Protein backbone atom coordinates (compact mmCIF):
# COMPACT_ATOMS: atom_id res chain seq x y z
CA UNK A 1 0.00 0.00 0.00
CA UNK A 2 2.17 2.82 -1.28
CA UNK A 3 -0.67 5.32 -0.79
CA UNK A 4 0.37 5.70 2.86
CA UNK A 5 3.93 6.71 1.98
CA UNK A 6 2.60 9.07 -0.72
CA UNK A 7 0.17 10.64 1.76
CA UNK A 8 3.03 11.07 4.24
CA UNK A 9 5.19 12.79 1.61
CA UNK A 10 2.32 15.06 0.59
CA UNK A 11 1.61 16.01 4.21
CA UNK A 12 5.26 16.78 4.97
CA UNK A 13 5.55 18.90 1.82
CA UNK A 14 2.41 20.96 2.45
CA UNK A 15 3.22 21.47 6.13
CA UNK A 16 6.69 22.78 5.20
CA UNK A 17 5.18 25.11 2.59
CA UNK A 18 2.52 26.29 5.03
CA UNK A 19 5.11 27.04 7.70
CA UNK A 20 7.26 28.95 5.21
CA UNK A 21 4.25 31.04 4.14
CA UNK A 22 2.92 31.52 7.67
CA UNK A 23 -0.36 29.71 6.91
CA UNK A 24 -2.56 28.62 9.79
CA UNK A 25 -4.94 26.33 7.86
CA UNK A 26 -4.70 24.20 4.72
CA UNK A 27 -8.09 23.84 3.04
CA UNK A 28 -7.23 22.00 -0.18
CA UNK A 29 -4.26 20.45 -1.93
CA UNK A 30 -3.99 20.15 -5.71
CA UNK A 31 -2.12 17.05 -6.84
CA UNK A 32 -1.19 16.00 -10.37
CA UNK A 33 0.07 12.46 -10.82
CA UNK A 34 0.56 10.08 -13.68
CA UNK A 35 -1.99 7.34 -14.29
CA UNK A 36 0.86 4.87 -14.59
CA UNK A 37 1.51 5.17 -10.83
CA UNK A 38 -1.73 3.25 -10.21
CA UNK A 39 -2.58 5.28 -7.12
CA UNK A 40 -6.02 4.65 -5.67
CA UNK A 41 -7.51 8.08 -4.90
CA UNK A 42 -9.85 6.74 -2.20
CA UNK A 43 -7.00 5.00 -0.38
CA UNK A 44 -4.74 8.04 -0.71
CA UNK A 45 -7.47 10.30 0.67
CA UNK A 46 -8.17 7.90 3.55
CA UNK A 47 -4.47 7.69 4.46
CA UNK A 48 -4.09 11.47 4.24
CA UNK A 49 -7.14 12.01 6.45
CA UNK A 50 -5.72 9.66 9.10
CA UNK A 51 -2.19 11.08 9.22
CA UNK A 52 -3.21 14.75 8.93
CA UNK A 53 -5.37 14.56 12.08
CA UNK A 54 -4.40 17.23 14.62
CA UNK A 55 -2.40 19.23 12.03
CA UNK A 56 -3.33 22.39 10.13
CA UNK A 57 -4.05 20.12 7.15
CA UNK A 58 -6.78 18.19 8.97
CA UNK A 59 -9.91 18.20 6.82
CA UNK A 60 -8.08 19.43 3.71
CA UNK A 61 -9.54 18.26 0.41
CA UNK A 62 -7.21 16.42 -1.96
CA UNK A 63 -7.93 17.63 -5.50
CA UNK A 64 -6.33 14.85 -7.57
CA UNK A 65 -5.83 15.10 -11.34
CA UNK A 66 -4.50 12.09 -13.23
CA UNK A 67 -2.18 12.77 -16.16
CA UNK A 68 -1.77 10.47 -19.15
CA UNK A 69 1.74 9.09 -19.56
CA UNK A 70 3.93 10.89 -22.09
CA UNK A 71 6.88 9.24 -23.75
CA UNK A 72 9.72 10.24 -26.03
CA UNK A 73 10.33 8.28 -29.25
CA UNK A 74 13.84 6.81 -29.19
CA UNK A 75 14.12 7.25 -32.95
CA UNK A 76 12.68 10.67 -33.90
CA UNK A 77 12.67 12.22 -30.37
CA UNK A 78 9.01 13.27 -30.74
CA UNK A 79 7.04 13.37 -27.49
CA UNK A 80 3.57 11.82 -27.46
CA UNK A 81 0.87 10.51 -25.16
CA UNK A 82 0.31 6.79 -24.59
CA UNK A 83 -3.38 6.00 -24.98
CA UNK A 84 -3.30 2.22 -24.40
CA UNK A 85 -0.96 -0.75 -24.06
CA UNK A 86 -1.32 -1.20 -27.81
CA UNK A 87 0.81 1.93 -28.30
CA UNK A 88 3.91 0.00 -27.29
CA UNK A 89 6.70 -0.44 -28.39
CA UNK A 90 7.53 3.17 -27.97
CA UNK A 91 7.76 4.64 -31.46
CA UNK A 92 5.92 7.71 -32.64
CA UNK A 93 3.32 7.58 -35.39
CA UNK A 94 5.93 9.14 -37.69
CA UNK A 95 8.34 6.25 -37.18
C-alpha atoms as a PDB file:
ATOM      1  CA  UNK A   1       0.000   0.000   0.000  1.00  0.00           C
ATOM      2  CA  UNK A   2       2.174   2.822  -1.284  1.00  0.00           C
ATOM      3  CA  UNK A   3      -0.673   5.316  -0.794  1.00  0.00           C
ATOM      4  CA  UNK A   4       0.369   5.702   2.861  1.00  0.00           C
ATOM      5  CA  UNK A   5       3.931   6.712   1.977  1.00  0.00           C
ATOM      6  CA  UNK A   6       2.598   9.074  -0.722  1.00  0.00           C
ATOM      7  CA  UNK A   7       0.174  10.645   1.762  1.00  0.00           C
ATOM      8  CA  UNK A   8       3.031  11.070   4.239  1.00  0.00           C
ATOM      9  CA  UNK A   9       5.185  12.786   1.613  1.00  0.00           C
ATOM     10  CA  UNK A  10       2.322  15.063   0.591  1.00  0.00           C
ATOM     11  CA  UNK A  11       1.610  16.006   4.207  1.00  0.00           C
ATOM     12  CA  UNK A  12       5.261  16.777   4.969  1.00  0.00           C
ATOM     13  CA  UNK A  13       5.550  18.897   1.821  1.00  0.00           C
ATOM     14  CA  UNK A  14       2.410  20.964   2.451  1.00  0.00           C
ATOM     15  CA  UNK A  15       3.221  21.465   6.132  1.00  0.00           C
ATOM     16  CA  UNK A  16       6.686  22.775   5.203  1.00  0.00           C
ATOM     17  CA  UNK A  17       5.182  25.107   2.586  1.00  0.00           C
ATOM     18  CA  UNK A  18       2.521  26.295   5.030  1.00  0.00           C
ATOM     19  CA  UNK A  19       5.110  27.035   7.702  1.00  0.00           C
ATOM     20  CA  UNK A  20       7.262  28.948   5.213  1.00  0.00           C
ATOM     21  CA  UNK A  21       4.250  31.044   4.141  1.00  0.00           C
ATOM     22  CA  UNK A  22       2.919  31.522   7.669  1.00  0.00           C
ATOM     23  CA  UNK A  23      -0.356  29.707   6.911  1.00  0.00           C
ATOM     24  CA  UNK A  24      -2.564  28.622   9.786  1.00  0.00           C
ATOM     25  CA  UNK A  25      -4.935  26.332   7.856  1.00  0.00           C
ATOM     26  CA  UNK A  26      -4.696  24.196   4.718  1.00  0.00           C
ATOM     27  CA  UNK A  27      -8.093  23.844   3.036  1.00  0.00           C
ATOM     28  CA  UNK A  28      -7.229  22.005  -0.175  1.00  0.00           C
ATOM     29  CA  UNK A  29      -4.262  20.452  -1.933  1.00  0.00           C
ATOM     30  CA  UNK A  30      -3.993  20.147  -5.714  1.00  0.00           C
ATOM     31  CA  UNK A  31      -2.118  17.049  -6.837  1.00  0.00           C
ATOM     32  CA  UNK A  32      -1.193  16.001 -10.367  1.00  0.00           C
ATOM     33  CA  UNK A  33       0.072  12.461 -10.820  1.00  0.00           C
ATOM     34  CA  UNK A  34       0.559  10.079 -13.681  1.00  0.00           C
ATOM     35  CA  UNK A  35      -1.994   7.340 -14.294  1.00  0.00           C
ATOM     36  CA  UNK A  36       0.862   4.865 -14.588  1.00  0.00           C
ATOM     37  CA  UNK A  37       1.506   5.171 -10.827  1.00  0.00           C
ATOM     38  CA  UNK A  38      -1.731   3.248 -10.209  1.00  0.00           C
ATOM     39  CA  UNK A  39      -2.577   5.282  -7.118  1.00  0.00           C
ATOM     40  CA  UNK A  40      -6.022   4.645  -5.669  1.00  0.00           C
ATOM     41  CA  UNK A  41      -7.511   8.081  -4.903  1.00  0.00           C
ATOM     42  CA  UNK A  42      -9.846   6.744  -2.199  1.00  0.00           C
ATOM     43  CA  UNK A  43      -7.001   4.998  -0.375  1.00  0.00           C
ATOM     44  CA  UNK A  44      -4.739   8.041  -0.715  1.00  0.00           C
ATOM     45  CA  UNK A  45      -7.468  10.305   0.673  1.00  0.00           C
ATOM     46  CA  UNK A  46      -8.171   7.898   3.547  1.00  0.00           C
ATOM     47  CA  UNK A  47      -4.473   7.688   4.456  1.00  0.00           C
ATOM     48  CA  UNK A  48      -4.092  11.466   4.242  1.00  0.00           C
ATOM     49  CA  UNK A  49      -7.142  12.015   6.452  1.00  0.00           C
ATOM     50  CA  UNK A  50      -5.725   9.665   9.099  1.00  0.00           C
ATOM     51  CA  UNK A  51      -2.191  11.083   9.222  1.00  0.00           C
ATOM     52  CA  UNK A  52      -3.209  14.753   8.932  1.00  0.00           C
ATOM     53  CA  UNK A  53      -5.368  14.560  12.079  1.00  0.00           C
ATOM     54  CA  UNK A  54      -4.395  17.234  14.618  1.00  0.00           C
ATOM     55  CA  UNK A  55      -2.400  19.225  12.031  1.00  0.00           C
ATOM     56  CA  UNK A  56      -3.329  22.391  10.127  1.00  0.00           C
ATOM     57  CA  UNK A  57      -4.053  20.118   7.149  1.00  0.00           C
ATOM     58  CA  UNK A  58      -6.778  18.194   8.969  1.00  0.00           C
ATOM     59  CA  UNK A  59      -9.915  18.195   6.821  1.00  0.00           C
ATOM     60  CA  UNK A  60      -8.080  19.427   3.715  1.00  0.00           C
ATOM     61  CA  UNK A  61      -9.540  18.259   0.410  1.00  0.00           C
ATOM     62  CA  UNK A  62      -7.211  16.416  -1.965  1.00  0.00           C
ATOM     63  CA  UNK A  63      -7.935  17.631  -5.502  1.00  0.00           C
ATOM     64  CA  UNK A  64      -6.333  14.853  -7.574  1.00  0.00           C
ATOM     65  CA  UNK A  65      -5.833  15.102 -11.336  1.00  0.00           C
ATOM     66  CA  UNK A  66      -4.503  12.092 -13.231  1.00  0.00           C
ATOM     67  CA  UNK A  67      -2.176  12.766 -16.158  1.00  0.00           C
ATOM     68  CA  UNK A  68      -1.773  10.469 -19.154  1.00  0.00           C
ATOM     69  CA  UNK A  69       1.744   9.085 -19.561  1.00  0.00           C
ATOM     70  CA  UNK A  70       3.928  10.893 -22.085  1.00  0.00           C
ATOM     71  CA  UNK A  71       6.879   9.240 -23.751  1.00  0.00           C
ATOM     72  CA  UNK A  72       9.722  10.236 -26.034  1.00  0.00           C
ATOM     73  CA  UNK A  73      10.331   8.276 -29.251  1.00  0.00           C
ATOM     74  CA  UNK A  74      13.837   6.815 -29.188  1.00  0.00           C
ATOM     75  CA  UNK A  75      14.125   7.255 -32.949  1.00  0.00           C
ATOM     76  CA  UNK A  76      12.679  10.673 -33.896  1.00  0.00           C
ATOM     77  CA  UNK A  77      12.675  12.216 -30.374  1.00  0.00           C
ATOM     78  CA  UNK A  78       9.006  13.265 -30.744  1.00  0.00           C
ATOM     79  CA  UNK A  79       7.041  13.365 -27.489  1.00  0.00           C
ATOM     80  CA  UNK A  80       3.570  11.825 -27.463  1.00  0.00           C
ATOM     81  CA  UNK A  81       0.869  10.506 -25.155  1.00  0.00           C
ATOM     82  CA  UNK A  82       0.305   6.788 -24.594  1.00  0.00           C
ATOM     83  CA  UNK A  83      -3.382   5.999 -24.978  1.00  0.00           C
ATOM     84  CA  UNK A  84      -3.302   2.221 -24.402  1.00  0.00           C
ATOM     85  CA  UNK A  85      -0.961  -0.753 -24.061  1.00  0.00           C
ATOM     86  CA  UNK A  86      -1.318  -1.199 -27.814  1.00  0.00           C
ATOM     87  CA  UNK A  87       0.809   1.931 -28.298  1.00  0.00           C
ATOM     88  CA  UNK A  88       3.915   0.000 -27.286  1.00  0.00           C
ATOM     89  CA  UNK A  89       6.696  -0.444 -28.391  1.00  0.00           C
ATOM     90  CA  UNK A  90       7.535   3.169 -27.972  1.00  0.00           C
ATOM     91  CA  UNK A  91       7.763   4.638 -31.456  1.00  0.00           C
ATOM     92  CA  UNK A  92       5.921   7.708 -32.640  1.00  0.00           C
ATOM     93  CA  UNK A  93       3.315   7.585 -35.390  1.00  0.00           C
ATOM     94  CA  UNK A  94       5.927   9.136 -37.690  1.00  0.00           C
ATOM     95  CA  UNK A  95       8.341   6.253 -37.181  1.00  0.00           C
END
